[in-house]
């Protein structure tokens, strides 16, 4: 979970220096032209993938270089699966497949031994999302000696279902997987919302009711907890001390996005159950806070950090996930298109104009989509968010996600992730006593907000 990761002091200085460079170009985007959208997406995809060095000699396959954490590499590869799906550009497919498969352990899951000091349930979920997207979008299957995309997602589901903690707060997943990592005593929305989304997508894809039951269970726990309000605001999380009664009221785009994606999949899986339609509508109502009226009501903003210029290295990527999950929602819950697509279009236009930084020939993407002047910010997250919302313009031009019974080729393995090695300690050395240095290295816990964020509430009707 990203809020644990501190800012690197040099990144702000570098951005400030680069901001002063002359803008020489910008990404041109005509939202009415498929060719223009694909060209713009290609430019941003190249910019994002230029940060990845895993295919270079001496570098780690599947990982981004410092200061980026393991989870964001999974999110990046998931983005590139969707890039192929939406644009048809196969240029990066081999690199994407190689990167995803490189992070699989002998236990055929996303639990790499070298990530035990940073991997949380939310981190693992983003790799599962990438695998799930690969299955749903018919991304080229792995070689026969490798686990299928679907089975990799199923392995994460099974491992996380075993971690469901009924001893504290009546259920839910802890943020961290390993007891020695800071944040093990915190239950956050992205971990629990991630598990909810994964369960719902597996239910729709496989038609296996077990996944649907877990989606219901995880939704109900979120709704009964302080993490989600009766009007569908999704807060960051709560500490198990005090039985999760005092939430951090920070609101992030990816938290409401993961709940939306899960609810939309459950709406589809249940053949339009009105209960799930109501929940999808409620989440979209609540998402309005991320499209401030001050910016016209349709341009996305990360309200917790963007205008304050306080986002850390991870948070600039959050808008990518709300963008991709809103777009996907229009495929499986079509009644949402009229509300969602104007926001995608306005945000994409803003993102393209913001991709005007002098590095990379004048097409480096910044964070603030409400201004055409590059804000001096750059990184994987900025590129990923811009790419996500720009390529989302193509969502109505591609076939919807497949399933096991309707066109899917990725093979199911419901027992993935359930073997004795999946539950065993990864390495005996990891059971040693944790030192202060270990805890410091794992990052600091999310700051609990003393005052709730103020914002207007808007309502929509369908």
Protein backbone atom coordinates (compact mmCIF):
# COMPACT_ATOMS: atom_id res chain seq x y z
CA UNK A 1 0.00 0.00 0.00
CA UNK A 2 1.58 3.13 -1.29
CA UNK A 3 1.01 5.58 1.51
CA UNK A 4 3.76 3.83 3.43
CA UNK A 5 6.39 4.92 0.94
CA UNK A 6 8.18 8.21 1.58
CA UNK A 7 9.00 10.79 -1.08
CA UNK A 8 12.46 10.69 -2.56
CA UNK A 9 13.92 14.16 -1.91
CA UNK A 10 15.65 14.36 -5.28
CA UNK A 11 12.51 13.82 -7.35
CA UNK A 12 10.91 17.10 -6.38
CA UNK A 13 14.14 18.99 -7.11
CA UNK A 14 14.54 17.29 -10.47
CA UNK A 15 10.96 18.09 -11.44
CA UNK A 16 11.38 21.72 -10.42
CA UNK A 17 14.51 22.06 -12.56
CA UNK A 18 12.93 20.38 -15.57
CA UNK A 19 9.81 22.50 -15.27
CA UNK A 20 11.89 25.48 -16.27
CA UNK A 21 12.88 23.92 -19.58
CA UNK A 22 11.20 25.20 -22.71
CA UNK A 23 8.18 23.27 -23.92
CA UNK A 24 8.82 22.28 -27.52
CA UNK A 25 5.84 20.11 -28.40
CA UNK A 26 2.78 18.34 -27.03
CA UNK A 27 0.70 15.28 -27.79
CA UNK A 28 -1.93 16.03 -30.40
CA UNK A 29 -5.24 14.29 -29.71
CA UNK A 30 -8.43 14.33 -31.74
CA UNK A 31 -10.90 12.35 -29.64
CA UNK A 32 -13.08 11.77 -32.71
CA UNK A 33 -10.30 10.01 -34.62
CA UNK A 34 -9.31 6.43 -33.84
CA UNK A 35 -5.96 6.91 -35.57
CA UNK A 36 -5.24 10.02 -33.52
CA UNK A 37 -6.12 8.25 -30.26
CA UNK A 38 -3.90 5.29 -31.13
CA UNK A 39 -1.02 7.57 -32.11
CA UNK A 40 -1.31 9.50 -28.85
CA UNK A 41 -1.51 6.26 -26.85
CA UNK A 42 1.56 4.93 -28.65
CA UNK A 43 3.55 8.03 -27.75
CA UNK A 44 2.64 7.79 -24.08
CA UNK A 45 3.17 4.02 -23.97
CA UNK A 46 6.69 4.55 -25.27
CA UNK A 47 7.28 7.19 -22.62
CA UNK A 48 6.08 4.92 -19.85
CA UNK A 49 7.98 1.85 -21.02
CA UNK A 50 11.18 3.87 -21.30
CA UNK A 51 11.33 3.70 -17.49
CA UNK A 52 11.41 -0.10 -17.60
CA UNK A 53 14.94 -1.50 -17.77
CA UNK A 54 14.19 -5.14 -17.00
CA UNK A 55 14.97 -6.26 -20.53
CA UNK A 56 18.45 -4.70 -20.40
CA UNK A 57 21.61 -6.60 -19.49
CA UNK A 58 22.17 -6.86 -15.74
CA UNK A 59 18.71 -5.59 -14.77
CA UNK A 60 15.90 -7.49 -13.02
CA UNK A 61 13.22 -8.79 -15.34
CA UNK A 62 9.76 -7.71 -14.27
CA UNK A 63 10.88 -4.93 -11.92
CA UNK A 64 11.03 -1.18 -12.27
CA UNK A 65 14.16 0.61 -11.05
CA UNK A 66 14.29 2.62 -7.84
CA UNK A 67 12.26 4.49 -6.60
CA UNK A 68 9.40 2.32 -7.90
CA UNK A 69 8.05 -0.60 -5.92
CA UNK A 70 7.09 -4.09 -7.05
CA UNK A 71 3.37 -3.44 -7.17
CA UNK A 72 3.66 -0.63 -9.70
CA UNK A 73 5.49 -2.87 -12.15
CA UNK A 74 2.51 -5.22 -12.03
CA UNK A 75 0.18 -2.28 -12.61
CA UNK A 76 2.33 -1.15 -15.54
CA UNK A 77 2.25 -4.57 -17.20
CA UNK A 78 -1.50 -4.68 -16.67
CA UNK A 79 -1.72 -1.32 -18.39
CA UNK A 80 0.22 -2.67 -21.34
CA UNK A 81 -2.04 -5.72 -21.63
CA UNK A 82 -4.89 -3.27 -22.00
CA UNK A 83 -2.85 -1.14 -24.42
CA UNK A 84 -2.56 -4.14 -26.74
CA UNK A 85 -6.26 -4.95 -26.31
CA UNK A 86 -7.41 -1.43 -27.12
CA UNK A 87 -4.94 -0.46 -29.86
CA UNK A 88 -3.91 -3.76 -31.42
CA UNK A 89 -0.23 -2.78 -31.13
CA UNK A 90 1.76 -5.96 -30.40
CA UNK A 91 5.13 -4.21 -30.04
CA UNK A 92 5.39 -4.73 -26.29
CA UNK A 93 3.70 -8.12 -25.91
CA UNK A 94 6.87 -10.17 -25.50
CA UNK A 95 8.30 -7.78 -22.90
CA UNK A 96 5.00 -7.76 -21.00
CA UNK A 97 4.68 -11.56 -20.97
CA UNK A 98 8.30 -11.95 -19.93
CA UNK A 99 7.88 -9.42 -17.12
CA UNK A 100 4.73 -11.00 -15.74
CA UNK A 101 6.06 -14.55 -15.86
CA UNK A 102 9.38 -13.52 -14.28
CA UNK A 103 7.60 -12.68 -11.04
CA UNK A 104 6.08 -16.14 -10.63
CA UNK A 105 7.54 -18.35 -7.94
CA UNK A 106 8.01 -22.13 -8.04
CA UNK A 107 4.68 -22.23 -6.21
CA UNK A 108 3.11 -20.76 -9.38
CA UNK A 109 1.92 -17.59 -7.72
CA UNK A 110 2.86 -13.94 -7.33
CA UNK A 111 4.84 -14.31 -4.10
CA UNK A 112 8.44 -13.58 -5.11
CA UNK A 113 11.00 -14.23 -2.40
CA UNK A 114 12.77 -10.94 -2.96
CA UNK A 115 9.68 -8.85 -2.15
CA UNK A 116 8.85 -10.03 1.37
CA UNK A 117 9.71 -6.67 2.94
CA UNK A 118 7.35 -4.72 0.70
CA UNK A 119 4.64 -7.07 -0.60
CA UNK A 120 1.21 -6.43 0.86
CA UNK A 121 -2.16 -7.86 -0.11
CA UNK A 122 -2.81 -4.79 -2.24
CA UNK A 123 0.52 -5.17 -4.03
CA UNK A 124 -0.19 -8.79 -4.87
CA UNK A 125 -3.65 -7.82 -6.11
CA UNK A 126 -2.24 -5.56 -8.83
CA UNK A 127 -0.31 -8.47 -10.31
CA UNK A 128 -3.47 -10.55 -10.13
CA UNK A 129 -5.36 -7.78 -11.95
CA UNK A 130 -2.79 -7.89 -14.74
CA UNK A 131 -3.19 -11.66 -15.07
CA UNK A 132 -6.98 -11.35 -14.92
CA UNK A 133 -6.97 -8.73 -17.66
CA UNK A 134 -4.77 -11.00 -19.77
CA UNK A 135 -7.36 -13.77 -19.42
CA UNK A 136 -10.36 -11.50 -20.06
CA UNK A 137 -8.79 -9.79 -23.06
CA UNK A 138 -7.29 -12.93 -24.63
CA UNK A 139 -3.74 -11.71 -24.35
CA UNK A 140 -1.45 -14.38 -25.87
CA UNK A 141 -1.31 -17.34 -23.50
CA UNK A 142 1.92 -18.26 -21.70
CA UNK A 143 4.00 -21.22 -22.91
CA UNK A 144 2.57 -24.65 -21.97
CA UNK A 145 5.11 -25.12 -19.16
CA UNK A 146 3.88 -21.96 -17.41
CA UNK A 147 0.69 -21.44 -15.40
CA UNK A 148 -2.18 -19.81 -17.26
CA UNK A 149 -3.14 -16.18 -16.71
CA UNK A 150 -6.40 -17.28 -15.12
CA UNK A 151 -4.73 -19.73 -12.75
CA UNK A 152 -2.35 -17.00 -11.57
CA UNK A 153 -5.33 -14.83 -10.63
CA UNK A 154 -6.99 -17.82 -8.97
CA UNK A 155 -3.83 -18.48 -6.94
CA UNK A 156 -3.90 -14.94 -5.55
CA UNK A 157 -7.59 -15.30 -4.73
CA UNK A 158 -7.03 -18.56 -2.84
CA UNK A 159 -4.08 -17.18 -0.91
CA UNK A 160 -5.93 -14.04 0.07
CA UNK A 161 -9.08 -15.91 1.04
CA UNK A 162 -6.93 -17.85 3.53
CA UNK A 163 -5.77 -14.55 5.00
CA UNK A 164 -9.30 -13.34 5.80
CA UNK A 165 -8.99 -12.26 9.41
CA UNK A 166 -12.06 -12.78 11.57
CA UNK A 167 -10.22 -12.19 14.84
CA UNK A 168 -10.05 -8.43 14.31
CA UNK A 169 -12.76 -6.07 13.09
CA UNK A 170 -15.12 -8.92 12.19
CA UNK A 171 -13.25 -9.90 9.04
CA UNK A 172 -11.35 -8.33 6.19
CA UNK A 173 -7.77 -8.49 4.98
CA UNK A 174 -4.88 -6.84 6.70
CA UNK A 175 -2.86 -4.46 4.60
CA UNK A 176 0.35 -6.47 4.95
CA UNK A 177 0.90 -10.17 4.37
CA UNK A 178 3.88 -10.64 6.66
CA UNK A 179 3.81 -9.89 10.37
CA UNK A 180 7.17 -8.11 10.31
CA UNK A 181 6.05 -5.40 7.89
CA UNK A 182 4.79 -2.05 9.10
CA UNK A 183 1.07 -1.86 8.52
CA UNK A 184 0.24 -5.43 9.51
CA UNK A 185 -2.16 -3.94 12.06
CA UNK A 186 -4.00 -1.88 9.42
CA UNK A 187 -6.96 -2.91 7.27
CA UNK A 188 -7.19 -0.80 4.17
CA UNK A 189 -9.65 -0.34 1.35
CA UNK A 190 -7.33 -1.12 -1.53
CA UNK A 191 -6.46 -4.55 -0.10
CA UNK A 192 -10.08 -5.41 0.69
CA UNK A 193 -11.45 -3.67 -2.39
CA UNK A 194 -8.82 -5.44 -4.46
CA UNK A 195 -9.92 -8.81 -3.11
CA UNK A 196 -13.55 -7.86 -3.76
CA UNK A 197 -12.75 -6.87 -7.35
CA UNK A 198 -10.72 -10.02 -8.00
CA UNK A 199 -13.51 -12.23 -6.58
CA UNK A 200 -16.13 -10.48 -8.71
CA UNK A 201 -14.08 -10.74 -11.91
CA UNK A 202 -13.40 -14.42 -11.28
CA UNK A 203 -17.12 -14.97 -10.66
CA UNK A 204 -18.04 -13.37 -13.97
CA UNK A 205 -15.27 -15.13 -15.90
CA UNK A 206 -15.73 -18.65 -14.48
CA UNK A 207 -19.40 -18.55 -13.38
CA UNK A 208 -18.21 -20.26 -10.19
CA UNK A 209 -20.49 -19.25 -7.33
CA UNK A 210 -17.70 -19.61 -4.76
CA UNK A 211 -16.12 -16.46 -6.14
CA UNK A 212 -19.48 -14.71 -6.13
CA UNK A 213 -20.02 -15.64 -2.50
CA UNK A 214 -16.65 -14.18 -1.55
CA UNK A 215 -17.45 -11.01 -3.49
CA UNK A 216 -20.68 -10.68 -1.51
CA UNK A 217 -18.85 -11.36 1.73
CA UNK A 218 -16.10 -8.82 1.10
CA UNK A 219 -18.55 -6.16 -0.08
CA UNK A 220 -20.70 -6.68 3.01
CA UNK A 221 -17.68 -6.41 5.29
CA UNK A 222 -16.63 -3.15 3.63
CA UNK A 223 -20.16 -1.75 3.83
CA UNK A 224 -20.51 -2.70 7.50
CA UNK A 225 -17.11 -1.28 8.39
CA UNK A 226 -15.98 2.34 8.63
CA UNK A 227 -14.11 1.99 5.34
CA UNK A 228 -17.20 2.69 3.19
CA UNK A 229 -20.01 5.04 4.13
CA UNK A 230 -23.71 4.68 3.44
CA UNK A 231 -23.32 7.19 0.59
CA UNK A 232 -20.45 5.16 -0.89
CA UNK A 233 -17.47 7.26 0.09
CA UNK A 234 -14.50 4.91 0.34
CA UNK A 235 -11.94 5.83 2.99
CA UNK A 236 -8.34 4.70 3.14
CA UNK A 237 -8.43 2.26 6.05
CA UNK A 238 -8.47 1.74 9.81
CA UNK A 239 -6.18 0.31 12.47
CA UNK A 240 -7.23 -2.91 14.19
CA UNK A 241 -6.57 -1.25 17.55
CA UNK A 242 -10.02 -0.22 18.68
CA UNK A 243 -11.61 -2.76 16.35
CA UNK A 244 -11.30 -0.62 13.19
CA UNK A 245 -13.59 2.12 14.47
CA UNK A 246 -11.49 5.16 13.56
CA UNK A 247 -10.92 5.45 9.81
CA UNK A 248 -8.39 7.48 7.90
CA UNK A 249 -10.80 9.55 5.87
CA UNK A 250 -8.48 10.16 2.95
CA UNK A 251 -10.19 9.41 -0.35
CA UNK A 252 -8.17 8.12 -3.30
CA UNK A 253 -9.30 7.49 -6.87
CA UNK A 254 -8.15 3.88 -6.90
CA UNK A 255 -10.14 2.96 -3.79
CA UNK A 256 -13.49 3.93 -5.24
CA UNK A 257 -12.32 2.59 -8.60
CA UNK A 258 -11.69 -0.92 -7.34
CA UNK A 259 -15.09 -1.04 -5.66
CA UNK A 260 -16.73 0.21 -8.87
CA UNK A 261 -15.01 -2.43 -10.98
CA UNK A 262 -16.06 -5.17 -8.60
CA UNK A 263 -19.66 -3.95 -8.38
CA UNK A 264 -19.93 -3.69 -12.17
CA UNK A 265 -18.69 -7.26 -12.56
CA UNK A 266 -21.22 -8.45 -9.99
CA UNK A 267 -23.97 -6.56 -11.83
CA UNK A 268 -22.97 -8.45 -14.97
CA UNK A 269 -22.51 -11.78 -13.21
CA UNK A 270 -25.95 -11.58 -11.58
CA UNK A 271 -27.65 -10.65 -14.88
CA UNK A 272 -28.42 -7.13 -13.75
CA UNK A 273 -29.47 -7.63 -10.14
CA UNK A 274 -30.97 -4.25 -9.07
CA UNK A 275 -28.96 -4.42 -5.85
CA UNK A 276 -25.73 -4.23 -7.78
CA UNK A 277 -27.05 -1.53 -10.11
CA UNK A 278 -27.84 0.59 -7.08
CA UNK A 279 -24.32 0.06 -5.78
CA UNK A 280 -22.72 0.94 -9.12
CA UNK A 281 -24.79 4.12 -9.25
CA UNK A 282 -23.92 4.97 -5.66
CA UNK A 283 -20.20 4.60 -6.31
CA UNK A 284 -20.43 6.75 -9.43
CA UNK A 285 -22.25 9.39 -7.41
CA UNK A 286 -19.49 9.32 -4.82
CA UNK A 287 -16.78 9.45 -7.51
CA UNK A 288 -17.90 12.97 -8.41
CA UNK A 289 -15.55 14.30 -5.75
CA UNK A 290 -12.66 13.39 -8.06
CA UNK A 291 -14.13 15.52 -10.87
CA UNK A 292 -14.34 18.92 -9.17
CA UNK A 293 -16.85 21.44 -10.42
CA UNK A 294 -14.06 24.01 -10.21
CA UNK A 295 -12.41 22.13 -13.10
CA UNK A 296 -15.65 21.84 -15.05
CA UNK A 297 -16.97 18.66 -13.43
CA UNK A 298 -15.41 16.19 -15.88
CA UNK A 299 -11.63 16.41 -15.40
CA UNK A 300 -10.17 13.92 -12.96
CA UNK A 301 -8.07 15.11 -10.04
CA UNK A 302 -6.35 13.24 -7.20
CA UNK A 303 -7.87 15.49 -4.57
CA UNK A 304 -5.82 14.26 -1.61
CA UNK A 305 -2.47 15.38 -2.99
CA UNK A 306 -2.50 16.78 -6.52
CA UNK A 307 -3.34 20.45 -6.00
CA UNK A 308 -1.21 20.49 -2.84
CA UNK A 309 1.74 19.05 -4.82
CA UNK A 310 2.24 16.47 -2.07
CA UNK A 311 1.80 13.23 -4.03
CA UNK A 312 4.50 10.64 -3.41
CA UNK A 313 6.08 8.44 -6.08
CA UNK A 314 3.17 6.00 -6.18
CA UNK A 315 0.10 8.21 -6.01
CA UNK A 316 0.42 9.78 -9.50
CA UNK A 317 -0.56 6.40 -10.94
CA UNK A 318 -3.87 6.20 -9.08
CA UNK A 319 -5.87 8.03 -11.74
CA UNK A 320 -4.81 5.30 -14.18
CA UNK A 321 -6.83 2.74 -12.26
CA UNK A 322 -10.00 4.78 -11.90
CA UNK A 323 -9.75 5.59 -15.63
CA UNK A 324 -9.33 1.96 -16.69
CA UNK A 325 -12.00 0.66 -14.31
CA UNK A 326 -14.53 3.31 -15.27
CA UNK A 327 -13.98 2.48 -18.93
CA UNK A 328 -14.32 -1.26 -18.29
CA UNK A 329 -17.52 -0.60 -16.34
CA UNK A 330 -19.17 0.75 -19.49
CA UNK A 331 -18.63 -2.64 -21.15
CA UNK A 332 -20.20 -4.81 -18.47
CA UNK A 333 -22.73 -2.31 -17.08
CA UNK A 334 -23.67 -0.35 -20.23
CA UNK A 335 -26.16 1.91 -18.45
CA UNK A 336 -23.16 3.81 -17.05
CA UNK A 337 -21.80 4.96 -20.40
CA UNK A 338 -23.66 8.27 -20.47
CA UNK A 339 -22.18 9.27 -17.13
CA UNK A 340 -18.66 7.89 -17.55
CA UNK A 341 -17.63 8.69 -21.10
CA UNK A 342 -17.88 12.51 -20.88
CA UNK A 343 -15.45 12.29 -17.98
CA UNK A 344 -13.10 10.03 -19.92
CA UNK A 345 -13.19 12.35 -22.94
CA UNK A 346 -12.56 15.56 -20.98
CA UNK A 347 -9.85 13.96 -18.85
CA UNK A 348 -8.15 12.45 -21.91
CA UNK A 349 -8.05 15.82 -23.64
CA UNK A 350 -6.60 17.39 -20.52
CA UNK A 351 -4.04 14.62 -20.07
CA UNK A 352 -2.85 14.92 -23.68
CA UNK A 353 -2.35 18.67 -23.33
CA UNK A 354 -0.43 18.13 -20.08
CA UNK A 355 1.90 15.74 -21.95
CA UNK A 356 3.97 18.68 -23.14
CA UNK A 357 7.10 18.44 -20.99
CA UNK A 358 10.43 19.16 -22.62
CA UNK A 359 11.96 15.72 -21.86
CA UNK A 360 11.14 13.02 -24.46
CA UNK A 361 10.83 15.56 -27.25
CA UNK A 362 8.16 17.64 -25.58
CA UNK A 363 5.71 14.83 -24.79
CA UNK A 364 6.53 14.07 -21.14
CA UNK A 365 3.29 13.79 -19.16
CA UNK A 366 2.57 15.66 -15.94
CA UNK A 367 -0.16 15.29 -13.33
CA UNK A 368 -2.53 18.25 -13.61
CA UNK A 369 -4.94 17.60 -16.44
CA UNK A 370 -6.73 20.93 -16.03
CA UNK A 371 -3.86 22.95 -17.49
CA UNK A 372 -2.00 22.64 -20.82
CA UNK A 373 1.24 23.88 -19.25
CA UNK A 374 3.43 21.00 -18.14
CA UNK A 375 3.60 21.05 -14.34
CA UNK A 376 7.18 19.73 -14.18
CA UNK A 377 6.17 16.35 -12.73
CA UNK A 378 7.19 13.15 -14.46
CA UNK A 379 7.44 9.45 -13.84
CA UNK A 380 5.86 6.07 -14.42
CA UNK A 381 2.68 7.10 -12.64
CA UNK A 382 2.16 10.25 -14.68
CA UNK A 383 2.68 8.37 -17.94
CA UNK A 384 0.48 5.47 -16.83
CA UNK A 385 -2.41 7.72 -15.85
CA UNK A 386 -2.26 9.64 -19.13
CA UNK A 387 -2.03 6.42 -21.15
CA UNK A 388 -4.93 4.85 -19.30
CA UNK A 389 -7.37 7.68 -19.83
CA UNK A 390 -6.33 8.32 -23.47
CA UNK A 391 -6.63 4.70 -24.56
CA UNK A 392 -9.92 4.42 -22.64
CA UNK A 393 -11.42 6.46 -25.51
CA UNK A 394 -11.24 3.24 -27.55
CA UNK A 395 -13.25 1.12 -25.10
CA UNK A 396 -16.41 1.11 -27.22
CA UNK A 397 -14.45 0.03 -30.32
CA UNK A 398 -13.34 -3.36 -28.98
CA UNK A 399 -15.22 -6.53 -28.04
CA UNK A 400 -16.07 -6.91 -24.37
CA UNK A 401 -14.19 -9.20 -21.97
CA UNK A 402 -14.46 -12.92 -22.65
CA UNK A 403 -15.24 -15.67 -20.15
CA UNK A 404 -14.57 -19.38 -19.83
CA UNK A 405 -17.79 -20.21 -21.64
CA UNK A 406 -17.67 -17.34 -24.13
CA UNK A 407 -14.42 -17.20 -26.03
CA UNK A 408 -11.86 -17.48 -23.22
CA UNK A 409 -8.74 -19.56 -23.80
CA UNK A 410 -7.00 -19.20 -20.44
CA UNK A 411 -7.30 -22.47 -18.52
CA UNK A 412 -8.87 -22.62 -15.08
CA UNK A 413 -7.23 -24.15 -12.02
CA UNK A 414 -9.46 -23.56 -8.99
CA UNK A 415 -6.86 -25.26 -6.77
CA UNK A 416 -4.07 -22.83 -7.70
CA UNK A 417 -2.42 -21.35 -4.66
CA UNK A 418 -3.76 -23.98 -2.25
CA UNK A 419 -0.76 -26.31 -2.03
CA UNK A 420 1.27 -26.76 1.16
CA UNK A 421 4.13 -24.67 -0.21
CA UNK A 422 1.79 -21.75 -0.87
CA UNK A 423 0.97 -21.58 2.84
CA UNK A 424 4.47 -22.34 4.14
CA UNK A 425 7.02 -19.72 5.19
CA UNK A 426 8.98 -18.57 2.17
CA UNK A 427 12.38 -18.81 3.77
CA UNK A 428 13.39 -19.78 7.33
CA UNK A 429 15.53 -16.67 7.63
CA UNK A 430 12.38 -14.59 7.39
CA UNK A 431 11.08 -15.92 10.70
CA UNK A 432 13.88 -14.26 12.64
CA UNK A 433 13.16 -11.42 15.02
CA UNK A 434 12.44 -8.17 13.20
CA UNK A 435 14.80 -5.31 13.90
CA UNK A 436 14.14 -1.59 13.91
CA UNK A 437 16.09 -1.34 10.68
CA UNK A 438 13.78 -3.89 9.07
CA UNK A 439 10.73 -1.89 10.04
CA UNK A 440 12.24 1.34 8.83
CA UNK A 441 13.09 -0.28 5.53
CA UNK A 442 9.52 -1.39 5.05
CA UNK A 443 8.24 2.19 5.03
CA UNK A 444 6.03 4.21 7.32
CA UNK A 445 2.36 3.60 7.95
CA UNK A 446 -0.37 5.70 6.43
CA UNK A 447 -0.88 8.93 8.36
CA UNK A 448 -4.28 8.99 9.97
CA UNK A 449 -6.04 12.14 8.97
CA UNK A 450 -7.26 14.26 11.89
CA UNK A 451 -9.86 16.15 9.91
CA UNK A 452 -12.00 14.80 7.12
CA UNK A 453 -11.65 16.17 3.62
CA UNK A 454 -14.31 18.70 2.76
CA UNK A 455 -15.99 18.52 -0.58
CA UNK A 456 -19.27 18.99 -2.35
CA UNK A 457 -21.60 16.12 -3.09
CA UNK A 458 -23.17 15.71 -6.48
CA UNK A 459 -25.81 13.22 -7.52
CA UNK A 460 -26.52 11.61 -10.84
CA UNK A 461 -29.50 9.75 -12.19
CA UNK A 462 -29.61 7.04 -14.78
